[in-house]
Amino acid sequence: MIPIAYNLRNLAVRRTTTLAAGFGLALVVFVLAGVLMLSNGIKKTLGRSGSDDTAIVIRKGSDGELASGIEEPNVGLVLAQPGVKRDASGNPLGVGEIVVVILLDKLGTTGQGNVQVRGVPDNARSFRSGTRIVEGRPAQPGTDEVIVGKAIAGRFSGLRLGQSFELRKNRPVSVVGVFEDGGSSFESEVWADRDTVRTAFGREGSVSSLRARLESRAGFDAFKLAVESNRQLNLEAMRETDYYDKQSEGTSLFVKAMGLVIAVFFAIGATIGAMITMYASVAHRQKEIGTLRAIGFARSSIILSFLFESFVLAIGGGAVGALSSLALSSVKLSVMNYQTFSEVVIAFEPTFSIIGAALLIAGVMGILGGFFPAVRAARVNPVEAMRD
């Protein structure tokens, strides 16, 4: 077996080509890790919006809250179903909400973007215990006051504390508070009084969706059966966690597909770069290889030695790319949710599995890039190499 120190020395001696190939591999790992982190961020952001002990009810056949509509009298019928948790006064724990999308000017760039507005009842914040006001104060029920999610505060015109914007033409509302909700997608929404949104958009007497807190997670199946078996209601029930998983599929798939296409092209280029580096190394080390063969090292040892050298080069570059990608965890990006057609602010979410997968792919690229040069090195004739 050829000593490892020999391979490490060769990489150090040829530092220019080593750095060039390593940079290409680092770039691939950076892009790949970034794409996977963003996809994971989409799932986590929407996933944080859901709870296992909460059921969401929408109109049957709707693909989300935005396209759904439930008549007000049916809200009481749904909340009267068995399995719905009740408060100390005996009232069912549930909220019926209106969801609409408005167009606002983006700040810091040209163009406009869709912002999701949620019309909520008085008990919306108590129903979602993780929600808290971080700036300003709560909106007063029955008024034209709104609170804005922390993620989009200041990203659109009129969404800063103390500012105002038009919910619809000639229907201004004032921002009196900024709220957070543990990094969920609710932080990318504007919350307004439900009746105010109803009046502005002509949706009196209905809600977009209904959320019901269940007595236990195990009680969901019975609740779902009771709701969906009533054909007059024409409604369907889902666990809130399942609903948001479904909402994240389209956007996550799009981001992952686009990113992987870019990463594949980069990977091909980086693999070719590693291959060229190793071929150049073989060409410049003919006498060394011939000497190794002459003193008794087998062809298999030569192949393993060059593969190891290529692998070390790839892992080194991959490690730099992986460590650099961790800096993306402090970056937040606004992406389109293709279910609601509104913008959601997403953070890059790194995990050990994502970093590990990116490094594994870097190692594979190194082995692929070094295989053919290693075979060529093993075929060097020691006599001819020494003569040359």
Protein backbone atom coordinates (compact mmCIF):
# COMPACT_ATOMS: atom_id res chain seq x y z
CA MET A 1 0.00 0.00 0.00
CA ILE A 2 1.40 3.38 -1.00
CA PRO A 3 1.77 5.69 2.05
CA ILE A 4 -0.99 8.29 2.52
CA ALA A 5 1.63 10.98 3.11
CA TYR A 6 2.72 10.56 -0.53
CA ASN A 7 -0.75 11.52 -1.79
CA LEU A 8 -1.10 14.45 0.60
CA ARG A 9 2.30 15.76 -0.46
CA ASN A 10 1.33 15.61 -4.13
CA LEU A 11 -1.83 17.64 -3.48
CA ALA A 12 0.20 20.24 -1.57
CA VAL A 13 2.92 20.47 -4.22
CA ARG A 14 0.38 21.05 -7.02
CA ARG A 15 -1.59 23.60 -4.98
CA THR A 16 -2.81 25.69 -7.93
CA THR A 17 -4.63 22.85 -9.69
CA THR A 18 -5.68 21.42 -6.33
CA LEU A 19 -7.29 24.71 -5.28
CA ALA A 20 -9.00 25.15 -8.66
CA ALA A 21 -10.57 21.69 -8.58
CA GLY A 22 -11.42 22.02 -4.88
CA PHE A 23 -13.18 25.34 -5.49
CA GLY A 24 -15.38 23.75 -8.16
CA LEU A 25 -16.34 20.91 -5.84
CA ALA A 26 -16.98 23.37 -2.99
CA LEU A 27 -19.33 25.36 -5.22
CA VAL A 28 -21.34 22.24 -6.08
CA VAL A 29 -21.71 21.27 -2.43
CA PHE A 30 -22.67 24.84 -1.50
CA VAL A 31 -25.43 24.97 -4.13
CA LEU A 32 -26.69 21.48 -3.38
CA ALA A 33 -26.76 22.03 0.39
CA GLY A 34 -28.45 25.40 -0.09
CA VAL A 35 -31.22 23.89 -2.22
CA LEU A 36 -31.87 21.10 0.27
CA MET A 37 -31.82 23.56 3.18
CA LEU A 38 -34.33 25.84 1.43
CA SER A 39 -36.63 22.91 0.62
CA ASN A 40 -36.41 21.80 4.24
CA GLY A 41 -37.13 25.37 5.33
CA ILE A 42 -40.35 25.45 3.30
CA LYS A 43 -41.57 22.24 4.91
CA LYS A 44 -40.60 23.35 8.41
CA THR A 45 -42.11 26.82 8.08
CA LEU A 46 -45.46 25.46 6.94
CA GLY A 47 -45.17 22.47 9.28
CA ARG A 48 -44.83 24.77 12.30
CA SER A 49 -48.24 26.19 11.42
CA GLY A 50 -49.98 22.90 12.16
CA SER A 51 -50.83 20.93 15.29
CA ASP A 52 -51.69 17.23 15.61
CA ASP A 53 -54.59 17.89 17.98
CA THR A 54 -56.21 20.42 15.64
CA ALA A 55 -58.42 19.63 12.67
CA ILE A 56 -58.95 22.00 9.77
CA VAL A 57 -62.23 21.84 7.86
CA ILE A 58 -62.65 23.22 4.33
CA ARG A 59 -65.16 22.80 1.53
CA LYS A 60 -64.90 19.43 -0.15
CA GLY A 61 -62.92 19.62 -3.40
CA SER A 62 -60.99 22.75 -2.37
CA ASP A 63 -57.20 22.61 -2.55
CA GLY A 64 -56.79 25.13 0.27
CA GLU A 65 -58.35 27.83 2.41
CA LEU A 66 -58.21 30.42 -0.35
CA ALA A 67 -60.60 28.46 -2.60
CA SER A 68 -62.85 27.26 0.21
CA GLY A 69 -66.09 28.63 1.60
CA ILE A 70 -68.16 27.47 4.58
CA GLU A 71 -71.53 29.02 5.42
CA GLU A 72 -71.75 30.47 8.92
CA PRO A 73 -74.57 28.16 10.15
CA ASN A 74 -72.42 25.11 9.32
CA VAL A 75 -69.66 26.34 11.64
CA GLY A 76 -71.81 25.63 14.69
CA LEU A 77 -72.81 22.21 13.33
CA VAL A 78 -69.17 21.20 12.87
CA LEU A 79 -68.11 22.40 16.32
CA ALA A 80 -71.00 20.44 17.83
CA GLN A 81 -69.54 17.16 16.59
CA PRO A 82 -68.16 14.67 19.15
CA GLY A 83 -64.50 14.93 20.02
CA VAL A 84 -64.25 18.73 19.92
CA LYS A 85 -62.58 20.10 23.03
CA ARG A 86 -64.44 22.64 25.17
CA ASP A 87 -63.27 25.43 27.45
CA ALA A 88 -64.19 25.93 31.12
CA SER A 89 -67.47 27.56 30.11
CA GLY A 90 -68.45 24.63 27.92
CA ASN A 91 -67.89 26.44 24.62
CA PRO A 92 -66.24 24.47 21.79
CA LEU A 93 -62.67 25.50 20.98
CA GLY A 94 -62.68 26.50 17.33
CA VAL A 95 -62.11 29.43 14.98
CA GLY A 96 -63.68 30.22 11.65
CA GLU A 97 -61.48 32.47 9.50
CA ILE A 98 -61.56 34.31 6.19
CA VAL A 99 -58.48 34.11 3.92
CA VAL A 100 -57.90 36.53 1.03
CA VAL A 101 -54.90 37.73 -0.96
CA ILE A 102 -54.08 41.37 -1.71
CA LEU A 103 -51.44 43.00 -3.91
CA LEU A 104 -48.90 45.34 -2.32
CA ASP A 105 -45.74 47.11 -3.48
CA LYS A 106 -42.48 45.47 -2.45
CA LEU A 107 -39.87 47.53 -0.63
CA GLY A 108 -36.25 47.53 -1.71
CA THR A 109 -37.09 46.32 -5.19
CA THR A 110 -39.45 47.04 -8.07
CA GLY A 111 -42.72 45.25 -8.56
CA GLN A 112 -45.54 43.97 -6.41
CA GLY A 113 -46.27 40.79 -4.47
CA ASN A 114 -49.24 38.91 -3.09
CA VAL A 115 -49.80 39.09 0.66
CA GLN A 116 -52.19 36.77 2.48
CA VAL A 117 -54.69 38.45 4.80
CA ARG A 118 -56.45 36.38 7.44
CA GLY A 119 -59.69 37.65 8.91
CA VAL A 120 -59.74 36.30 12.46
CA PRO A 121 -62.31 36.30 15.29
CA ASP A 122 -61.66 37.64 18.80
CA ASN A 123 -60.33 34.30 20.11
CA ALA A 124 -57.79 33.67 17.33
CA ARG A 125 -54.71 34.55 19.37
CA SER A 126 -55.85 32.56 22.43
CA PHE A 127 -56.62 29.60 20.14
CA ARG A 128 -53.05 29.73 18.83
CA SER A 129 -51.17 29.87 22.11
CA GLY A 130 -47.79 30.26 20.39
CA THR A 131 -48.69 33.68 18.97
CA ARG A 132 -47.42 36.76 20.78
CA ILE A 133 -47.13 40.47 20.07
CA VAL A 134 -43.48 41.59 19.77
CA GLU A 135 -44.10 45.21 18.75
CA GLY A 136 -47.04 47.51 19.33
CA ARG A 137 -50.29 46.08 20.65
CA PRO A 138 -53.11 43.72 19.64
CA ALA A 139 -55.73 44.97 17.20
CA GLN A 140 -59.07 45.99 18.70
CA PRO A 141 -61.96 43.74 17.55
CA GLY A 142 -64.46 45.33 15.20
CA THR A 143 -62.06 48.04 14.02
CA ASP A 144 -59.88 48.74 10.98
CA GLU A 145 -56.75 47.81 12.93
CA VAL A 146 -54.50 44.94 11.86
CA ILE A 147 -51.41 43.13 13.12
CA VAL A 148 -48.63 42.01 10.80
CA GLY A 149 -46.48 38.86 10.91
CA LYS A 150 -42.88 39.43 11.92
CA ALA A 151 -41.52 37.86 8.70
CA ILE A 152 -43.19 40.33 6.32
CA ALA A 153 -43.17 43.45 8.51
CA GLY A 154 -41.32 46.07 6.47
CA ARG A 155 -41.03 43.92 3.34
CA PHE A 156 -44.08 45.52 1.70
CA SER A 157 -45.38 49.07 1.51
CA GLY A 158 -47.53 49.98 4.50
CA LEU A 159 -46.65 46.93 6.62
CA ARG A 160 -44.52 48.67 9.23
CA LEU A 161 -45.79 49.48 12.70
CA GLY A 162 -47.77 52.74 12.59
CA GLN A 163 -48.27 52.66 8.81
CA SER A 164 -51.45 51.95 6.87
CA PHE A 165 -52.44 50.33 3.58
CA GLU A 166 -55.60 49.71 1.61
CA LEU A 167 -57.27 46.37 2.23
CA ARG A 168 -59.37 47.22 -0.81
CA LYS A 169 -59.79 50.49 -2.66
CA ASN A 170 -60.86 53.24 -0.27
CA ARG A 171 -60.72 50.80 2.66
CA PRO A 172 -57.55 51.68 4.59
CA VAL A 173 -56.44 49.74 7.65
CA SER A 174 -53.78 50.65 10.23
CA VAL A 175 -50.93 48.46 11.48
CA VAL A 176 -50.92 48.58 15.28
CA GLY A 177 -48.84 45.50 16.11
CA VAL A 178 -46.30 42.96 14.91
CA PHE A 179 -46.62 39.32 16.00
CA GLU A 180 -44.56 36.16 15.87
CA ASP A 181 -45.62 32.51 15.91
CA GLY A 182 -42.52 30.36 16.34
CA GLY A 183 -41.35 30.82 12.75
CA SER A 184 -44.57 29.45 11.20
CA SER A 185 -46.14 30.59 7.93
CA PHE A 186 -48.57 32.76 9.94
CA GLU A 187 -45.66 35.19 10.32
CA SER A 188 -46.02 35.88 6.58
CA GLU A 189 -49.64 37.00 6.97
CA VAL A 190 -51.65 40.06 7.96
CA TRP A 191 -54.34 39.44 10.58
CA ALA A 192 -57.40 41.67 10.47
CA ASP A 193 -60.82 41.62 12.10
CA ARG A 194 -62.96 38.94 10.47
CA ASP A 195 -65.99 41.19 9.97
CA THR A 196 -63.80 43.92 8.48
CA VAL A 197 -62.46 41.49 5.87
CA ARG A 198 -65.94 40.11 5.23
CA THR A 199 -67.34 43.56 4.54
CA ALA A 200 -64.40 44.65 2.38
CA PHE A 201 -64.55 41.55 0.15
CA GLY A 202 -68.28 40.85 0.19
CA ARG A 203 -67.96 37.58 2.08
CA GLU A 204 -70.67 38.15 4.70
CA GLY A 205 -72.15 35.00 6.21
CA SER A 206 -69.26 32.67 5.42
CA VAL A 207 -65.73 31.71 6.40
CA SER A 208 -62.91 30.18 4.37
CA SER A 209 -61.98 27.51 6.89
CA LEU A 210 -62.73 26.23 10.34
CA ARG A 211 -60.22 24.94 12.88
CA ALA A 212 -61.37 22.75 15.76
CA ARG A 213 -59.25 21.76 18.78
CA LEU A 214 -59.82 18.08 19.52
CA GLU A 215 -59.95 16.40 22.91
CA SER A 216 -57.15 14.05 21.80
CA ARG A 217 -55.15 13.19 18.70
CA ALA A 218 -56.79 9.78 18.60
CA GLY A 219 -60.20 11.39 18.27
CA PHE A 220 -59.52 12.78 14.81
CA ASP A 221 -60.84 9.77 12.87
CA ALA A 222 -64.22 9.91 14.64
CA PHE A 223 -64.44 13.67 14.06
CA LYS A 224 -63.51 13.30 10.38
CA LEU A 225 -66.13 10.56 9.89
CA ALA A 226 -68.85 12.65 11.54
CA VAL A 227 -68.09 15.71 9.41
CA GLU A 228 -67.66 14.00 6.05
CA SER A 229 -70.57 11.59 6.43
CA ASN A 230 -72.97 14.55 6.57
CA ARG A 231 -73.55 15.17 2.86
CA GLN A 232 -75.46 18.38 3.50
CA LEU A 233 -72.32 20.00 4.88
CA ASN A 234 -70.19 19.01 1.87
CA LEU A 235 -67.02 19.49 3.91
CA GLU A 236 -63.78 17.59 4.46
CA ALA A 237 -61.56 17.46 7.53
CA MET A 238 -57.78 17.03 7.77
CA ARG A 239 -55.26 17.10 10.53
CA GLU A 240 -53.73 20.55 10.51
CA THR A 241 -50.24 19.03 10.19
CA ASP A 242 -51.29 16.99 7.13
CA TYR A 243 -52.89 20.05 5.58
CA TYR A 244 -49.70 22.10 5.78
CA ASP A 245 -47.58 19.19 4.56
CA LYS A 246 -49.78 19.12 1.49
CA GLN A 247 -49.51 22.90 1.12
CA SER A 248 -45.71 22.71 1.09
CA GLU A 249 -45.42 19.99 -1.57
CA GLY A 250 -45.72 22.14 -4.69
CA THR A 251 -43.34 24.91 -3.63
CA SER A 252 -40.82 22.51 -2.11
CA LEU A 253 -40.81 20.33 -5.22
CA PHE A 254 -40.34 23.33 -7.52
CA VAL A 255 -37.43 24.73 -5.50
CA LYS A 256 -35.78 21.33 -5.22
CA ALA A 257 -36.18 20.55 -8.94
CA MET A 258 -34.79 23.89 -10.09
CA GLY A 259 -31.91 23.74 -7.64
CA LEU A 260 -31.00 20.17 -8.48
CA VAL A 261 -30.89 20.97 -12.21
CA ILE A 262 -28.39 23.75 -11.49
CA ALA A 263 -26.44 21.52 -9.09
CA VAL A 264 -26.24 18.71 -11.67
CA PHE A 265 -24.65 21.03 -14.27
CA PHE A 266 -22.22 22.32 -11.67
CA ALA A 267 -21.46 18.74 -10.59
CA ILE A 268 -20.65 17.68 -14.15
CA GLY A 269 -18.28 20.62 -14.50
CA ALA A 270 -16.64 19.95 -11.13
CA THR A 271 -16.21 16.24 -11.90
CA ILE A 272 -14.59 17.06 -15.22
CA GLY A 273 -12.36 19.57 -13.43
CA ALA A 274 -11.26 16.93 -10.92
CA MET A 275 -10.65 14.49 -13.76
CA ILE A 276 -8.50 17.00 -15.65
CA THR A 277 -6.54 17.70 -12.47
CA MET A 278 -5.86 14.01 -11.93
CA TYR A 279 -4.96 13.41 -15.60
CA ALA A 280 -2.48 16.30 -15.38
CA SER A 281 -1.08 14.76 -12.22
CA VAL A 282 -0.58 11.42 -13.99
CA ALA A 283 1.15 13.14 -16.92
CA HIS A 284 3.58 14.98 -14.64
CA ARG A 285 4.33 11.97 -12.45
CA GLN A 286 5.24 9.38 -15.06
CA LYS A 287 8.68 8.71 -13.53
CA GLU A 288 7.25 8.53 -10.00
CA ILE A 289 4.64 6.03 -11.12
CA GLY A 290 7.26 4.04 -13.00
CA THR A 291 9.48 3.99 -9.90
CA LEU A 292 6.60 2.79 -7.73
CA ARG A 293 5.87 0.00 -10.21
CA ALA A 294 9.59 -0.89 -10.43
CA ILE A 295 10.01 -1.28 -6.65
CA GLY A 296 7.09 -3.67 -6.47
CA PHE A 297 3.82 -1.79 -5.99
CA ALA A 298 0.97 -3.53 -7.78
CA ARG A 299 -1.38 -1.86 -10.25
CA SER A 300 -4.21 -2.12 -7.71
CA SER A 301 -2.12 -0.07 -5.24
CA ILE A 302 -1.58 2.60 -7.90
CA ILE A 303 -5.33 2.74 -8.62
CA LEU A 304 -6.25 2.96 -4.93
CA SER A 305 -3.61 5.63 -4.37
CA PHE A 306 -4.94 7.91 -7.11
CA LEU A 307 -8.56 7.29 -6.11
CA PHE A 308 -7.69 8.20 -2.53
CA GLU A 309 -6.00 11.37 -3.71
CA SER A 310 -9.04 12.36 -5.75
CA PHE A 311 -11.35 11.49 -2.83
CA VAL A 312 -9.35 13.65 -0.40
CA LEU A 313 -9.47 16.52 -2.89
CA ALA A 314 -13.25 16.16 -3.19
CA ILE A 315 -13.92 15.86 0.53
CA GLY A 316 -11.68 18.84 1.25
CA GLY A 317 -13.52 21.00 -1.28
CA GLY A 318 -16.87 19.59 -0.16
CA ALA A 319 -16.14 20.44 3.48
CA VAL A 320 -15.41 24.05 2.54
CA GLY A 321 -18.68 24.23 0.56
CA ALA A 322 -20.67 22.60 3.38
CA LEU A 323 -19.28 24.93 6.04
CA SER A 324 -19.93 27.93 3.80
CA SER A 325 -23.54 26.83 3.26
CA LEU A 326 -24.19 27.02 7.01
CA ALA A 327 -23.98 30.80 6.69
CA LEU A 328 -27.26 30.63 4.74
CA SER A 329 -29.09 29.74 7.96
CA SER A 330 -29.14 33.47 8.78
CA VAL A 331 -30.71 34.34 5.41
CA LYS A 332 -34.46 34.61 4.85
CA LEU A 333 -35.93 34.40 1.38
CA SER A 334 -39.38 35.30 0.12
CA VAL A 335 -40.84 32.57 -2.10
CA MET A 336 -44.19 32.01 -3.74
CA ASN A 337 -46.54 29.49 -2.15
CA TYR A 338 -48.13 27.90 -5.21
CA GLN A 339 -51.17 26.78 -3.22
CA THR A 340 -52.15 30.25 -1.98
CA PHE A 341 -50.28 32.34 -4.62
CA SER A 342 -49.00 34.53 -1.80
CA GLU A 343 -45.43 35.11 -0.70
CA VAL A 344 -44.02 33.26 2.31
CA VAL A 345 -40.77 34.19 4.01
CA ILE A 346 -38.61 31.07 4.37
CA ALA A 347 -35.38 30.50 6.28
CA PHE A 348 -32.68 28.05 5.17
CA GLU A 349 -32.89 25.11 7.60
CA PRO A 350 -29.66 23.06 7.79
CA THR A 351 -29.59 19.53 9.22
CA PHE A 352 -26.83 16.98 9.76
CA SER A 353 -28.40 14.72 7.13
CA ILE A 354 -28.32 17.51 4.50
CA ILE A 355 -24.66 18.31 5.18
CA GLY A 356 -23.82 14.60 5.23
CA ALA A 357 -25.61 13.98 1.92
CA ALA A 358 -23.80 16.91 0.27
CA LEU A 359 -20.41 15.61 1.47
CA LEU A 360 -21.27 12.10 0.28
CA ILE A 361 -22.07 13.41 -3.19
CA ALA A 362 -18.75 15.33 -3.17
CA GLY A 363 -16.93 12.08 -2.37
CA VAL A 364 -18.74 10.28 -5.19
CA MET A 365 -17.76 13.05 -7.61
CA GLY A 366 -14.16 12.73 -6.48
CA ILE A 367 -14.12 8.97 -7.07
CA LEU A 368 -15.77 9.36 -10.48
CA GLY A 369 -13.35 12.11 -11.44
CA GLY A 370 -10.33 10.09 -10.33
CA PHE A 371 -11.27 6.66 -11.67
CA PHE A 372 -10.12 6.95 -15.29
CA PRO A 373 -6.90 8.82 -14.44
CA ALA A 374 -6.17 6.13 -11.81
CA VAL A 375 -6.63 3.38 -14.40
CA ARG A 376 -4.34 5.23 -16.79
CA ALA A 377 -1.70 5.57 -14.07
CA ALA A 378 -1.87 1.83 -13.34
CA ARG A 379 -1.22 1.05 -17.03
CA VAL A 380 2.02 3.03 -17.13
CA ASN A 381 4.90 0.82 -18.28
CA PRO A 382 7.65 1.20 -15.66
CA VAL A 383 10.51 0.73 -18.19
CA GLU A 384 9.17 3.35 -20.62
CA ALA A 385 8.35 5.71 -17.77
CA MET A 386 11.88 5.50 -16.36
CA ARG A 387 13.40 5.96 -19.84
CA ASP A 388 11.27 9.06 -20.53
